[in-house]
Amino acid sequence: DGDRGEVVGRSTTDPKVKVYCKFPNYTQNFHTFVSELELELPGGYRIGDVVINKFDIKNGNGSVADGDRGEVIGRSPKDPKTHLLCRFPQLPRVSCLPHGLALEALGGFQ
């Protein structure tokens, strides 16, 4: 794991692939590749985390049952500060609160 920092602007050296960042333990801001950064998501989840749903979810596009396995794919566009965007086999895009999910441990255990 790396240090927590903040993107403070576009990179002037290569704005298509870099951003300008600052980190609390580093005296100067610097340009870094976007591919080297990890987005901080609600609840401490990460893109690609395998999760187990804890509640039944139904909407106009489908449903997810308690115990269904899915994947975190990003922040929810509906409420990005508090919700995750997840993908489940029966519902490819659903907004979830972090407390409604459990991180799947290695080997498929909860």
Foldseek 3Di string as FASTA:
>chain_A
DDADWDFDAADPVDRVFWTWIDGPVDPDIDIDGPVVDFDQAAPRDGFFFKKFFQDWDDDPQFIDHHGFIWTFHAADPVDRRFWTWIQGPGRGTDTHGPVRIDTQDPPRHD
